[in-house]
Amino acid sequence: MASPGSATRADVLVARRRLGFGAEGRREHFVVVQSDRLAGIETVVVAPLDDDAPMYKDNPLSVRVPAREAGTSGPQVVLAHLVTSALLEKFEAAPSGRLSARSMQSVDAVLRTVLDL
């Protein structure tokens, strides 16, 4: 997992303050999607997570991940199409979880589709 002031691909980070992706009053979780070759820069490229819900059932832009990977109390979905960048200082120093290689492969597949890579 990442050390303070850094982030590793597949780490799940928690925003210190609301970034505008989650419900009011809830901690927002994001998965690092950028390459580890970009370690050491001030910003990090992330995709938000949301609670798994029926509205995501047939959504090809979401990737389901178990709670244990996300570091949350319930299953989540990665909303890969909402990829963004933020200053690393906007997140807690320690990750709350880490996505498995299999989950990251699914996220990568959606990102490739969204970005037409």
PDB file of N, CA and C in Angstrom:
ATOM      1  N   MET A   1       0.835  -1.182   0.000  1.00  0.00           N
ATOM      2  CA  MET A   1       0.000   0.000   0.000  1.00  0.00           C
ATOM      3  C   MET A   1       0.881   1.247   0.000  1.00  0.00           C
ATOM      4  N   ALA A   2       0.274   2.369  -0.250  1.00  0.00           N
ATOM      5  CA  ALA A   2       1.024   3.605  -0.369  1.00  0.00           C
ATOM      6  C   ALA A   2       1.557   4.074   0.963  1.00  0.00           C
ATOM      7  N   SER A   3       2.682   4.764   0.907  1.00  0.00           N
ATOM      8  CA  SER A   3       3.202   5.421   2.100  1.00  0.00           C
ATOM      9  C   SER A   3       2.622   6.821   2.150  1.00  0.00           C
ATOM     10  N   PRO A   4       2.717   7.515   3.300  1.00  0.00           N
ATOM     11  CA  PRO A   4       2.162   8.864   3.374  1.00  0.00           C
ATOM     12  C   PRO A   4       2.715   9.749   2.263  1.00  0.00           C
ATOM     13  N   GLY A   5       1.832  10.495   1.609  1.00  0.00           N
ATOM     14  CA  GLY A   5       2.235  11.389   0.549  1.00  0.00           C
ATOM     15  C   GLY A   5       2.404  10.715  -0.801  1.00  0.00           C
ATOM     16  N   SER A   6       2.019   9.471  -0.932  1.00  0.00           N
ATOM     17  CA  SER A   6       2.097   8.783  -2.216  1.00  0.00           C
ATOM     18  C   SER A   6       0.861   7.918  -2.389  1.00  0.00           C
ATOM     19  N   ALA A   7       0.699   7.418  -3.590  1.00  0.00           N
ATOM     20  CA  ALA A   7      -0.430   6.527  -3.874  1.00  0.00           C
ATOM     21  C   ALA A   7       0.025   5.499  -4.888  1.00  0.00           C
ATOM     22  N   THR A   8      -0.423   4.296  -4.712  1.00  0.00           N
ATOM     23  CA  THR A   8      -0.077   3.195  -5.598  1.00  0.00           C
ATOM     24  C   THR A   8      -1.321   2.765  -6.365  1.00  0.00           C
ATOM     25  N   ARG A   9      -1.126   2.406  -7.616  1.00  0.00           N
ATOM     26  CA  ARG A   9      -2.236   1.925  -8.444  1.00  0.00           C
ATOM     27  C   ARG A   9      -3.008   0.844  -7.697  1.00  0.00           C
ATOM     28  N   ALA A  10      -4.326   0.925  -7.700  1.00  0.00           N
ATOM     29  CA  ALA A  10      -5.269   0.002  -7.058  1.00  0.00           C
ATOM     30  C   ALA A  10      -5.540   0.332  -5.598  1.00  0.00           C
ATOM     31  N   ASP A  11      -4.805   1.275  -5.006  1.00  0.00           N
ATOM     32  CA  ASP A  11      -5.127   1.701  -3.641  1.00  0.00           C
ATOM     33  C   ASP A  11      -6.488   2.389  -3.633  1.00  0.00           C
ATOM     34  N   VAL A  12      -7.234   2.185  -2.565  1.00  0.00           N
ATOM     35  CA  VAL A  12      -8.486   2.904  -2.378  1.00  0.00           C
ATOM     36  C   VAL A  12      -8.210   4.009  -1.369  1.00  0.00           C
ATOM     37  N   LEU A  13      -8.402   5.243  -1.812  1.00  0.00           N
ATOM     38  CA  LEU A  13      -8.137   6.416  -0.985  1.00  0.00           C
ATOM     39  C   LEU A  13      -9.451   7.013  -0.498  1.00  0.00           C
ATOM     40  N   VAL A  14      -9.379   7.659   0.658  1.00  0.00           N
ATOM     41  CA  VAL A  14     -10.548   8.320   1.234  1.00  0.00           C
ATOM     42  C   VAL A  14     -10.297   9.823   1.216  1.00  0.00           C
ATOM     43  N   ALA A  15     -11.232  10.570   0.661  1.00  0.00           N
ATOM     44  CA  ALA A  15     -11.104  12.024   0.596  1.00  0.00           C
ATOM     45  C   ALA A  15     -11.237  12.616   1.994  1.00  0.00           C
ATOM     46  N   ARG A  16     -10.365  13.568   2.302  1.00  0.00           N
ATOM     47  CA  ARG A  16     -10.433  14.267   3.599  1.00  0.00           C
ATOM     48  C   ARG A  16     -11.689  15.136   3.676  1.00  0.00           C
ATOM     49  N   ARG A  17     -11.991  15.764   2.549  1.00  0.00           N
ATOM     50  CA  ARG A  17     -13.188  16.597   2.442  1.00  0.00           C
ATOM     51  C   ARG A  17     -13.942  16.179   1.189  1.00  0.00           C
ATOM     52  N   ARG A  18     -15.197  16.481   1.174  1.00  0.00           N
ATOM     53  CA  ARG A  18     -16.062  16.118   0.055  1.00  0.00           C
ATOM     54  C   ARG A  18     -15.518  16.676  -1.259  1.00  0.00           C
ATOM     55  N   LEU A  19     -15.402  15.795  -2.267  1.00  0.00           N
ATOM     56  CA  LEU A  19     -14.989  16.206  -3.610  1.00  0.00           C
ATOM     57  C   LEU A  19     -16.175  16.289  -4.561  1.00  0.00           C
ATOM     58  N   GLY A  20     -17.356  15.888  -4.089  1.00  0.00           N
ATOM     59  CA  GLY A  20     -18.560  16.045  -4.881  1.00  0.00           C
ATOM     60  C   GLY A  20     -19.077  14.802  -5.571  1.00  0.00           C
ATOM     61  N   PHE A  21     -18.555  13.609  -5.225  1.00  0.00           N
ATOM     62  CA  PHE A  21     -19.021  12.390  -5.875  1.00  0.00           C
ATOM     63  C   PHE A  21     -19.985  11.593  -5.000  1.00  0.00           C
ATOM     64  N   GLY A  22     -19.884  11.730  -3.698  1.00  0.00           N
ATOM     65  CA  GLY A  22     -20.703  10.928  -2.796  1.00  0.00           C
ATOM     66  C   GLY A  22     -21.838  11.721  -2.185  1.00  0.00           C
ATOM     67  N   ALA A  23     -22.692  11.017  -1.465  1.00  0.00           N
ATOM     68  CA  ALA A  23     -23.808  11.671  -0.780  1.00  0.00           C
ATOM     69  C   ALA A  23     -23.264  12.571   0.329  1.00  0.00           C
ATOM     70  N   GLU A  24     -23.970  13.630   0.577  1.00  0.00           N
ATOM     71  CA  GLU A  24     -23.586  14.585   1.624  1.00  0.00           C
ATOM     72  C   GLU A  24     -23.399  13.860   2.952  1.00  0.00           C
ATOM     73  N   GLY A  25     -22.321  14.197   3.650  1.00  0.00           N
ATOM     74  CA  GLY A  25     -22.084  13.618   4.978  1.00  0.00           C
ATOM     75  C   GLY A  25     -21.446  12.243   4.958  1.00  0.00           C
ATOM     76  N   ARG A  26     -21.102  11.708   3.797  1.00  0.00           N
ATOM     77  CA  ARG A  26     -20.476  10.381   3.692  1.00  0.00           C
ATOM     78  C   ARG A  26     -19.049  10.521   3.194  1.00  0.00           C
ATOM     79  N   ARG A  27     -18.204   9.667   3.690  1.00  0.00           N
ATOM     80  CA  ARG A  27     -16.812   9.671   3.236  1.00  0.00           C
ATOM     81  C   ARG A  27     -16.747   9.145   1.802  1.00  0.00           C
ATOM     82  N   GLU A  28     -16.015   9.826   0.969  1.00  0.00           N
ATOM     83  CA  GLU A  28     -15.902   9.456  -0.436  1.00  0.00           C
ATOM     84  C   GLU A  28     -14.643   8.622  -0.649  1.00  0.00           C
ATOM     85  N   HIS A  29     -14.800   7.512  -1.357  1.00  0.00           N
ATOM     86  CA  HIS A  29     -13.704   6.603  -1.663  1.00  0.00           C
ATOM     87  C   HIS A  29     -13.382   6.664  -3.148  1.00  0.00           C
ATOM     88  N   PHE A  30     -12.083   6.564  -3.462  1.00  0.00           N
ATOM     89  CA  PHE A  30     -11.610   6.624  -4.841  1.00  0.00           C
ATOM     90  C   PHE A  30     -10.527   5.567  -5.027  1.00  0.00           C
ATOM     91  N   VAL A  31     -10.485   4.950  -6.193  1.00  0.00           N
ATOM     92  CA  VAL A  31      -9.422   4.002  -6.500  1.00  0.00           C
ATOM     93  C   VAL A  31      -8.417   4.686  -7.423  1.00  0.00           C
ATOM     94  N   VAL A  32      -7.149   4.470  -7.141  1.00  0.00           N
ATOM     95  CA  VAL A  32      -6.073   5.031  -7.961  1.00  0.00           C
ATOM     96  C   VAL A  32      -5.988   4.231  -9.256  1.00  0.00           C
ATOM     97  N   VAL A  33      -6.110   4.921 -10.395  1.00  0.00           N
ATOM     98  CA  VAL A  33      -6.069   4.248 -11.690  1.00  0.00           C
ATOM     99  C   VAL A  33      -4.823   4.615 -12.492  1.00  0.00           C
ATOM    100  N   GLN A  34      -4.037   5.535 -12.014  1.00  0.00           N
ATOM    101  CA  GLN A  34      -2.841   5.935 -12.754  1.00  0.00           C
ATOM    102  C   GLN A  34      -1.713   4.925 -12.583  1.00  0.00           C
ATOM    103  N   SER A  35      -0.776   4.987 -13.497  1.00  0.00           N
ATOM    104  CA  SER A  35       0.390   4.119 -13.468  1.00  0.00           C
ATOM    105  C   SER A  35       1.283   4.449 -12.272  1.00  0.00           C
ATOM    106  N   ASP A  36       1.911   3.436 -11.715  1.00  0.00           N
ATOM    107  CA  ASP A  36       2.868   3.661 -10.629  1.00  0.00           C
ATOM    108  C   ASP A  36       4.092   4.429 -11.121  1.00  0.00           C
ATOM    109  N   ARG A  37       4.301   4.501 -12.429  1.00  0.00           N
ATOM    110  CA  ARG A  37       5.417   5.287 -12.982  1.00  0.00           C
ATOM    111  C   ARG A  37       5.228   6.776 -12.735  1.00  0.00           C
ATOM    112  N   LEU A  38       4.019   7.187 -12.356  1.00  0.00           N
ATOM    113  CA  LEU A  38       3.746   8.594 -12.076  1.00  0.00           C
ATOM    114  C   LEU A  38       3.867   8.924 -10.591  1.00  0.00           C
ATOM    115  N   ALA A  39       4.351   7.980  -9.801  1.00  0.00           N
ATOM    116  CA  ALA A  39       4.504   8.210  -8.357  1.00  0.00           C
ATOM    117  C   ALA A  39       5.397   9.426  -8.131  1.00  0.00           C
ATOM    118  N   GLY A  40       5.071  10.159  -7.095  1.00  0.00           N
ATOM    119  CA  GLY A  40       5.881  11.307  -6.731  1.00  0.00           C
ATOM    120  C   GLY A  40       5.342  12.642  -7.229  1.00  0.00           C
ATOM    121  N   ILE A  41       4.313  12.626  -8.094  1.00  0.00           N
ATOM    122  CA  ILE A  41       3.737  13.899  -8.520  1.00  0.00           C
ATOM    123  C   ILE A  41       2.653  14.305  -7.527  1.00  0.00           C
ATOM    124  N   GLU A  42       2.280  15.564  -7.546  1.00  0.00           N
ATOM    125  CA  GLU A  42       1.340  16.104  -6.562  1.00  0.00           C
ATOM    126  C   GLU A  42      -0.096  15.670  -6.783  1.00  0.00           C
ATOM    127  N   THR A  43      -0.418  15.269  -7.996  1.00  0.00           N
ATOM    128  CA  THR A  43      -1.788  14.870  -8.296  1.00  0.00           C
ATOM    129  C   THR A  43      -1.872  13.364  -8.490  1.00  0.00           C
ATOM    130  N   VAL A  44      -3.081  12.862  -8.377  1.00  0.00           N
ATOM    131  CA  VAL A  44      -3.328  11.435  -8.562  1.00  0.00           C
ATOM    132  C   VAL A  44      -4.591  11.288  -9.405  1.00  0.00           C
ATOM    133  N   VAL A  45      -4.563  10.353 -10.348  1.00  0.00           N
ATOM    134  CA  VAL A  45      -5.725  10.079 -11.200  1.00  0.00           C
ATOM    135  C   VAL A  45      -6.517   8.955 -10.550  1.00  0.00           C
ATOM    136  N   VAL A  46      -7.783   9.236 -10.289  1.00  0.00           N
ATOM    137  CA  VAL A  46      -8.634   8.329  -9.523  1.00  0.00           C
ATOM    138  C   VAL A  46     -10.009   8.189 -10.168  1.00  0.00           C
ATOM    139  N   ALA A  47     -10.711   7.134  -9.763  1.00  0.00           N
ATOM    140  CA  ALA A  47     -12.115   6.936 -10.142  1.00  0.00           C
ATOM    141  C   ALA A  47     -12.907   6.753  -8.852  1.00  0.00           C
ATOM    142  N   PRO A  48     -14.074   7.379  -8.743  1.00  0.00           N
ATOM    143  CA  PRO A  48     -14.855   7.281  -7.512  1.00  0.00           C
ATOM    144  C   PRO A  48     -15.539   5.931  -7.337  1.00  0.00           C
ATOM    145  N   LEU A  49     -15.780   5.591  -6.088  1.00  0.00           N
ATOM    146  CA  LEU A  49     -16.561   4.411  -5.740  1.00  0.00           C
ATOM    147  C   LEU A  49     -17.896   4.877  -5.177  1.00  0.00           C
ATOM    148  N   ASP A  50     -18.906   4.041  -5.333  1.00  0.00           N
ATOM    149  CA  ASP A  50     -20.229   4.306  -4.766  1.00  0.00           C
ATOM    150  C   ASP A  50     -20.766   2.986  -4.225  1.00  0.00           C
ATOM    151  N   ASP A  51     -21.730   3.074  -3.327  1.00  0.00           N
ATOM    152  CA  ASP A  51     -22.375   1.862  -2.820  1.00  0.00           C
ATOM    153  C   ASP A  51     -23.022   1.113  -3.979  1.00  0.00           C
ATOM    154  N   ASP A  52     -22.831  -0.196  -4.000  1.00  0.00           N
ATOM    155  CA  ASP A  52     -23.476  -1.012  -5.026  1.00  0.00           C
ATOM    156  C   ASP A  52     -24.986  -0.898  -4.836  1.00  0.00           C
ATOM    157  N   ALA A  53     -25.700  -0.639  -5.900  1.00  0.00           N
ATOM    158  CA  ALA A  53     -27.150  -0.438  -5.841  1.00  0.00           C
ATOM    159  C   ALA A  53     -27.776  -0.975  -7.120  1.00  0.00           C
ATOM    160  N   PRO A  54     -29.088  -1.246  -7.095  1.00  0.00           N
ATOM    161  CA  PRO A  54     -29.764  -1.775  -8.288  1.00  0.00           C
ATOM    162  C   PRO A  54     -29.565  -0.927  -9.543  1.00  0.00           C
ATOM    163  N   MET A  55     -29.394   0.388  -9.394  1.00  0.00           N
ATOM    164  CA  MET A  55     -29.235   1.239 -10.574  1.00  0.00           C
ATOM    165  C   MET A  55     -27.949   0.935 -11.350  1.00  0.00           C
ATOM    166  N   TYR A  56     -27.009   0.240 -10.731  1.00  0.00           N
ATOM    167  CA  TYR A  56     -25.765  -0.115 -11.401  1.00  0.00           C
ATOM    168  C   TYR A  56     -25.786  -1.521 -12.004  1.00  0.00           C
ATOM    169  N   LYS A  57     -26.867  -2.248 -11.820  1.00  0.00           N
ATOM    170  CA  LYS A  57     -26.936  -3.654 -12.223  1.00  0.00           C
ATOM    171  C   LYS A  57     -26.534  -3.882 -13.675  1.00  0.00           C
ATOM    172  N   ASP A  58     -27.056  -3.145 -14.598  1.00  0.00           N
ATOM    173  CA  ASP A  58     -26.774  -3.329 -16.022  1.00  0.00           C
ATOM    174  C   ASP A  58     -25.935  -2.186 -16.595  1.00  0.00           C
ATOM    175  N   ASN A  59     -25.263  -1.468 -15.745  1.00  0.00           N
ATOM    176  CA  ASN A  59     -24.465  -0.328 -16.191  1.00  0.00           C
ATOM    177  C   ASN A  59     -23.076  -0.817 -16.627  1.00  0.00           C
ATOM    178  N   PRO A  60     -22.750  -0.754 -17.908  1.00  0.00           N
ATOM    179  CA  PRO A  60     -21.453  -1.247 -18.383  1.00  0.00           C
ATOM    180  C   PRO A  60     -20.278  -0.362 -17.968  1.00  0.00           C
ATOM    181  N   LEU A  61     -20.577   0.789 -17.391  1.00  0.00           N
ATOM    182  CA  LEU A  61     -19.517   1.711 -16.970  1.00  0.00           C
ATOM    183  C   LEU A  61     -19.134   1.555 -15.507  1.00  0.00           C
ATOM    184  N   SER A  62     -19.779   0.633 -14.811  1.00  0.00           N
ATOM    185  CA  SER A  62     -19.460   0.411 -13.398  1.00  0.00           C
ATOM    186  C   SER A  62     -18.857  -0.974 -13.212  1.00  0.00           C
ATOM    187  N   VAL A  63     -17.970  -1.067 -12.224  1.00  0.00           N
ATOM    188  CA  VAL A  63     -17.304  -2.328 -11.899  1.00  0.00           C
ATOM    189  C   VAL A  63     -17.562  -2.630 -10.436  1.00  0.00           C
ATOM    190  N   ARG A  64     -18.179  -3.766 -10.165  1.00  0.00           N
ATOM    191  CA  ARG A  64     -18.468  -4.159  -8.780  1.00  0.00           C
ATOM    192  C   ARG A  64     -17.208  -4.650  -8.088  1.00  0.00           C
ATOM    193  N   VAL A  65     -17.036  -4.212  -6.830  1.00  0.00           N
ATOM    194  CA  VAL A  65     -15.907  -4.673  -6.014  1.00  0.00           C
ATOM    195  C   VAL A  65     -16.424  -5.002  -4.618  1.00  0.00           C
ATOM    196  N   PRO A  66     -15.866  -6.051  -4.010  1.00  0.00           N
ATOM    197  CA  PRO A  66     -16.303  -6.426  -2.667  1.00  0.00           C
ATOM    198  C   PRO A  66     -15.849  -5.418  -1.614  1.00  0.00           C
ATOM    199  N   ALA A  67     -16.587  -5.396  -0.532  1.00  0.00           N
ATOM    200  CA  ALA A  67     -16.285  -4.472   0.566  1.00  0.00           C
ATOM    201  C   ALA A  67     -14.867  -4.647   1.079  1.00  0.00           C
ATOM    202  N   ARG A  68     -14.380  -5.878   1.168  1.00  0.00           N
ATOM    203  CA  ARG A  68     -13.036  -6.109   1.722  1.00  0.00           C
ATOM    204  C   ARG A  68     -11.963  -5.440   0.872  1.00  0.00           C
ATOM    205  N   GLU A  69     -12.162  -5.370  -0.442  1.00  0.00           N
ATOM    206  CA  GLU A  69     -11.196  -4.688  -1.300  1.00  0.00           C
ATOM    207  C   GLU A  69     -11.302  -3.172  -1.157  1.00  0.00           C
ATOM    208  N   ALA A  70     -12.515  -2.684  -1.066  1.00  0.00           N
ATOM    209  CA  ALA A  70     -12.740  -1.242  -0.995  1.00  0.00           C
ATOM    210  C   ALA A  70     -12.450  -0.670   0.391  1.00  0.00           C
ATOM    211  N   GLY A  71     -12.412  -1.532   1.397  1.00  0.00           N
ATOM    212  CA  GLY A  71     -12.210  -1.042   2.758  1.00  0.00           C
ATOM    213  C   GLY A  71     -13.443  -0.357   3.302  1.00  0.00           C
ATOM    214  N   THR A  72     -14.603  -0.859   2.878  1.00  0.00           N
ATOM    215  CA  THR A  72     -15.876  -0.275   3.283  1.00  0.00           C
ATOM    216  C   THR A  72     -16.737  -1.342   3.950  1.00  0.00           C
ATOM    217  N   SER A  73     -17.879  -0.921   4.464  1.00  0.00           N
ATOM    218  CA  SER A  73     -18.760  -1.866   5.154  1.00  0.00           C
ATOM    219  C   SER A  73     -19.652  -2.653   4.196  1.00  0.00           C
ATOM    220  N   GLY A  74     -19.781  -2.205   2.967  1.00  0.00           N
ATOM    221  CA  GLY A  74     -20.613  -2.903   1.991  1.00  0.00           C
ATOM    222  C   GLY A  74     -19.975  -2.891   0.618  1.00  0.00           C
ATOM    223  N   PRO A  75     -20.498  -3.714  -0.295  1.00  0.00           N
ATOM    224  CA  PRO A  75     -19.935  -3.758  -1.647  1.00  0.00           C
ATOM    225  C   PRO A  75     -20.048  -2.398  -2.336  1.00  0.00           C
ATOM    226  N   GLN A  76     -19.117  -2.182  -3.255  1.00  0.00           N
ATOM    227  CA  GLN A  76     -19.023  -0.905  -3.956  1.00  0.00           C
ATOM    228  C   GLN A  76     -19.020  -1.127  -5.456  1.00  0.00           C
ATOM    229  N   VAL A  77     -19.158  -0.050  -6.193  1.00  0.00           N
ATOM    230  CA  VAL A  77     -18.926  -0.050  -7.633  1.00  0.00           C
ATOM    231  C   VAL A  77     -17.932   1.062  -7.944  1.00  0.00           C
ATOM    232  N   VAL A  78     -16.998   0.763  -8.840  1.00  0.00           N
ATOM    233  CA  VAL A  78     -16.085   1.780  -9.340  1.00  0.00           C
ATOM    234  C   VAL A  78     -16.768   2.416 -10.539  1.00  0.00           C
ATOM    235  N   LEU A  79     -16.877   3.727 -10.529  1.00  0.00           N
ATOM    236  CA  LEU A  79     -17.498   4.464 -11.629  1.00  0.00           C
ATOM    237  C   LEU A  79     -16.373   4.986 -12.524  1.00  0.00           C
ATOM    238  N   ALA A  80     -15.854   4.086 -13.342  1.00  0.00           N
ATOM    239  CA  ALA A  80     -14.654   4.361 -14.128  1.00  0.00           C
ATOM    240  C   ALA A  80     -14.833   5.529 -15.099  1.00  0.00           C
ATOM    241  N   HIS A  81     -16.033   5.742 -15.575  1.00  0.00           N
ATOM    242  CA  HIS A  81     -16.275   6.834 -16.521  1.00  0.00           C
ATOM    243  C   HIS A  81     -16.188   8.212 -15.864  1.00  0.00           C
ATOM    244  N   LEU A  82     -16.126   8.252 -14.535  1.00  0.00           N
ATOM    245  CA  LEU A  82     -16.018   9.523 -13.820  1.00  0.00           C
ATOM    246  C   LEU A  82     -14.589   9.770 -13.345  1.00  0.00           C
ATOM    247  N   VAL A  83     -13.632   9.199 -14.056  1.00  0.00           N
ATOM    248  CA  VAL A  83     -12.224   9.359 -13.709  1.00  0.00           C
ATOM    249  C   VAL A  83     -11.886  10.850 -13.629  1.00  0.00           C
ATOM    250  N   THR A  84     -11.046  11.194 -12.652  1.00  0.00           N
ATOM    251  CA  THR A  84     -10.671  12.582 -12.422  1.00  0.00           C
ATOM    252  C   THR A  84      -9.280  12.618 -11.806  1.00  0.00           C
ATOM    253  N   SER A  85      -8.768  13.798 -11.625  1.00  0.00           N
ATOM    254  CA  SER A  85      -7.505  13.941 -10.911  1.00  0.00           C
ATOM    255  C   SER A  85      -7.719  14.902  -9.748  1.00  0.00           C
ATOM    256  N   ALA A  86      -6.926  14.707  -8.715  1.00  0.00           N
ATOM    257  CA  ALA A  86      -7.016  15.555  -7.534  1.00  0.00           C
ATOM    258  C   ALA A  86      -5.647  15.617  -6.884  1.00  0.00           C
ATOM    259  N   LEU A  87      -5.423  16.662  -6.140  1.00  0.00           N
ATOM    260  CA  LEU A  87      -4.182  16.758  -5.382  1.00  0.00           C
ATOM    261  C   LEU A  87      -4.141  15.635  -4.368  1.00  0.00           C
ATOM    262  N   LEU A  88      -3.003  15.007  -4.238  1.00  0.00           N
ATOM    263  CA  LEU A  88      -2.842  13.900  -3.311  1.00  0.00           C
ATOM    264  C   LEU A  88      -3.133  14.317  -1.875  1.00  0.00           C
ATOM    265  N   GLU A  89      -2.866  15.569  -1.552  1.00  0.00           N
ATOM    266  CA  GLU A  89      -3.098  16.062  -0.193  1.00  0.00           C
ATOM    267  C   GLU A  89      -4.580  16.088   0.188  1.00  0.00           C
ATOM    268  N   LYS A  90      -5.467  15.926  -0.775  1.00  0.00           N
ATOM    269  CA  LYS A  90      -6.910  15.914  -0.489  1.00  0.00           C
ATOM    270  C   LYS A  90      -7.384  14.579   0.078  1.00  0.00           C
ATOM    271  N   PHE A  91      -6.479  13.586   0.148  1.00  0.00           N
ATOM    272  CA  PHE A  91      -6.835  12.256   0.627  1.00  0.00           C
ATOM    273  C   PHE A  91      -6.125  11.929   1.933  1.00  0.00           C
ATOM    274  N   GLU A  92      -6.737  11.035   2.692  1.00  0.00           N
ATOM    275  CA  GLU A  92      -6.097  10.515   3.899  1.00  0.00           C
ATOM    276  C   GLU A  92      -4.763   9.895   3.508  1.00  0.00           C
ATOM    277  N   ALA A  93      -3.800   9.900   4.426  1.00  0.00           N
ATOM    278  CA  ALA A  93      -2.454   9.389   4.130  1.00  0.00           C
ATOM    279  C   ALA A  93      -2.447   7.890   3.865  1.00  0.00           C
ATOM    280  N   ALA A  94      -3.251   7.128   4.600  1.00  0.00           N
ATOM    281  CA  ALA A  94      -3.253   5.672   4.451  1.00  0.00           C
ATOM    282  C   ALA A  94      -4.467   5.225   3.640  1.00  0.00           C
ATOM    283  N   PRO A  95      -4.262   4.316   2.701  1.00  0.00           N
ATOM    284  CA  PRO A  95      -5.390   3.780   1.934  1.00  0.00           C
ATOM    285  C   PRO A  95      -6.349   2.997   2.833  1.00  0.00           C
ATOM    286  N   SER A  96      -7.615   2.964   2.433  1.00  0.00           N
ATOM    287  CA  SER A  96      -8.605   2.183   3.197  1.00  0.00           C
ATOM    288  C   SER A  96      -8.696   0.759   2.685  1.00  0.00           C
ATOM    289  N   GLY A  97      -8.208   0.523   1.470  1.00  0.00           N
ATOM    290  CA  GLY A  97      -8.280  -0.799   0.872  1.00  0.00           C
ATOM    291  C   GLY A  97      -7.423  -0.862  -0.362  1.00  0.00           C
ATOM    292  N   ARG A  98      -7.517  -1.987  -1.042  1.00  0.00           N
ATOM    293  CA  ARG A  98      -6.753  -2.182  -2.274  1.00  0.00           C
ATOM    294  C   ARG A  98      -7.516  -3.160  -3.165  1.00  0.00           C
ATOM    295  N   LEU A  99      -7.733  -2.758  -4.406  1.00  0.00           N
ATOM    296  CA  LEU A  99      -8.438  -3.631  -5.335  1.00  0.00           C
ATOM    297  C   LEU A  99      -7.523  -4.760  -5.783  1.00  0.00           C
ATOM    298  N   SER A 100      -8.118  -5.921  -5.991  1.00  0.00           N
ATOM    299  CA  SER A 100      -7.376  -7.087  -6.474  1.00  0.00           C
ATOM    300  C   SER A 100      -6.979  -6.868  -7.929  1.00  0.00           C
ATOM    301  N   ALA A 101      -6.042  -7.687  -8.391  1.00  0.00           N
ATOM    302  CA  ALA A 101      -5.625  -7.626  -9.798  1.00  0.00           C
ATOM    303  C   ALA A 101      -6.821  -7.866 -10.715  1.00  0.00           C
ATOM    304  N   ARG A 102      -7.678  -8.795 -10.331  1.00  0.00           N
ATOM    305  CA  ARG A 102      -8.859  -9.096 -11.149  1.00  0.00           C
ATOM    306  C   ARG A 102      -9.794  -7.889 -11.247  1.00  0.00           C
ATOM    307  N   SER A 103     -10.037  -7.218 -10.115  1.00  0.00           N
ATOM    308  CA  SER A 103     -10.898  -6.026 -10.134  1.00  0.00           C
ATOM    309  C   SER A 103     -10.281  -4.925 -10.983  1.00  0.00           C
ATOM    310  N   MET A 104      -8.960  -4.741 -10.858  1.00  0.00           N
ATOM    311  CA  MET A 104      -8.302  -3.697 -11.647  1.00  0.00           C
ATOM    312  C   MET A 104      -8.349  -4.017 -13.137  1.00  0.00           C
ATOM    313  N   GLN A 105      -8.280  -5.283 -13.498  1.00  0.00           N
ATOM    314  CA  GLN A 105      -8.407  -5.652 -14.909  1.00  0.00           C
ATOM    315  C   GLN A 105      -9.783  -5.251 -15.441  1.00  0.00           C
ATOM    316  N   SER A 106     -10.803  -5.419 -14.625  1.00  0.00           N
ATOM    317  CA  SER A 106     -12.161  -5.015 -15.024  1.00  0.00           C
ATOM    318  C   SER A 106     -12.259  -3.502 -15.149  1.00  0.00           C
ATOM    319  N   VAL A 107     -11.659  -2.775 -14.209  1.00  0.00           N
ATOM    320  CA  VAL A 107     -11.644  -1.306 -14.281  1.00  0.00           C
ATOM    321  C   VAL A 107     -10.904  -0.868 -15.543  1.00  0.00           C
ATOM    322  N   ASP A 108      -9.756  -1.479 -15.815  1.00  0.00           N
ATOM    323  CA  ASP A 108      -8.979  -1.137 -17.010  1.00  0.00           C
ATOM    324  C   ASP A 108      -9.787  -1.367 -18.290  1.00  0.00           C
ATOM    325  N   ALA A 109     -10.546  -2.444 -18.332  1.00  0.00           N
ATOM    326  CA  ALA A 109     -11.364  -2.736 -19.517  1.00  0.00           C
ATOM    327  C   ALA A 109     -12.389  -1.628 -19.757  1.00  0.00           C
ATOM    328  N   VAL A 110     -13.019  -1.170 -18.686  1.00  0.00           N
ATOM    329  CA  VAL A 110     -13.999  -0.085 -18.827  1.00  0.00           C
ATOM    330  C   VAL A 110     -13.290   1.202 -19.254  1.00  0.00           C
ATOM    331  N   LEU A 111     -12.135   1.493 -18.638  1.00  0.00           N
ATOM    332  CA  LEU A 111     -11.395   2.701 -19.015  1.00  0.00           C
ATOM    333  C   LEU A 111     -10.985   2.679 -20.482  1.00  0.00           C
ATOM    334  N   ARG A 112     -10.554   1.518 -20.967  1.00  0.00           N
ATOM    335  CA  ARG A 112     -10.186   1.397 -22.386  1.00  0.00           C
ATOM    336  C   ARG A 112     -11.385   1.709 -23.284  1.00  0.00           C
ATOM    337  N   THR A 113     -12.555   1.230 -22.904  1.00  0.00           N
ATOM    338  CA  THR A 113     -13.770   1.494 -23.674  1.00  0.00           C
ATOM    339  C   THR A 113     -14.130   2.976 -23.635  1.00  0.00           C
ATOM    340  N   VAL A 114     -14.105   3.551 -22.445  1.00  0.00           N
ATOM    341  CA  VAL A 114     -14.469   4.967 -22.285  1.00  0.00           C
ATOM    342  C   VAL A 114     -13.508   5.864 -23.060  1.00  0.00           C
ATOM    343  N   LEU A 115     -12.233   5.540 -23.001  1.00  0.00           N
ATOM    344  CA  LEU A 115     -11.216   6.380 -23.641  1.00  0.00           C
ATOM    345  C   LEU A 115     -10.898   5.938 -25.061  1.00  0.00           C
ATOM    346  N   ASP A 116     -11.540   4.874 -25.518  1.00  0.00           N
ATOM    347  CA  ASP A 116     -11.351   4.345 -26.866  1.00  0.00           C
ATOM    348  C   ASP A 116      -9.874   4.033 -27.139  1.00  0.00           C
ATOM    349  N   LEU A 117      -9.276   3.304 -26.187  1.00  0.00           N
ATOM    350  CA  LEU A 117      -7.862   2.928 -26.318  1.00  0.00           C
ATOM    351  C   LEU A 117      -7.726   1.543 -26.920  1.00  0.00           C
TER     352      LEU A 117
END
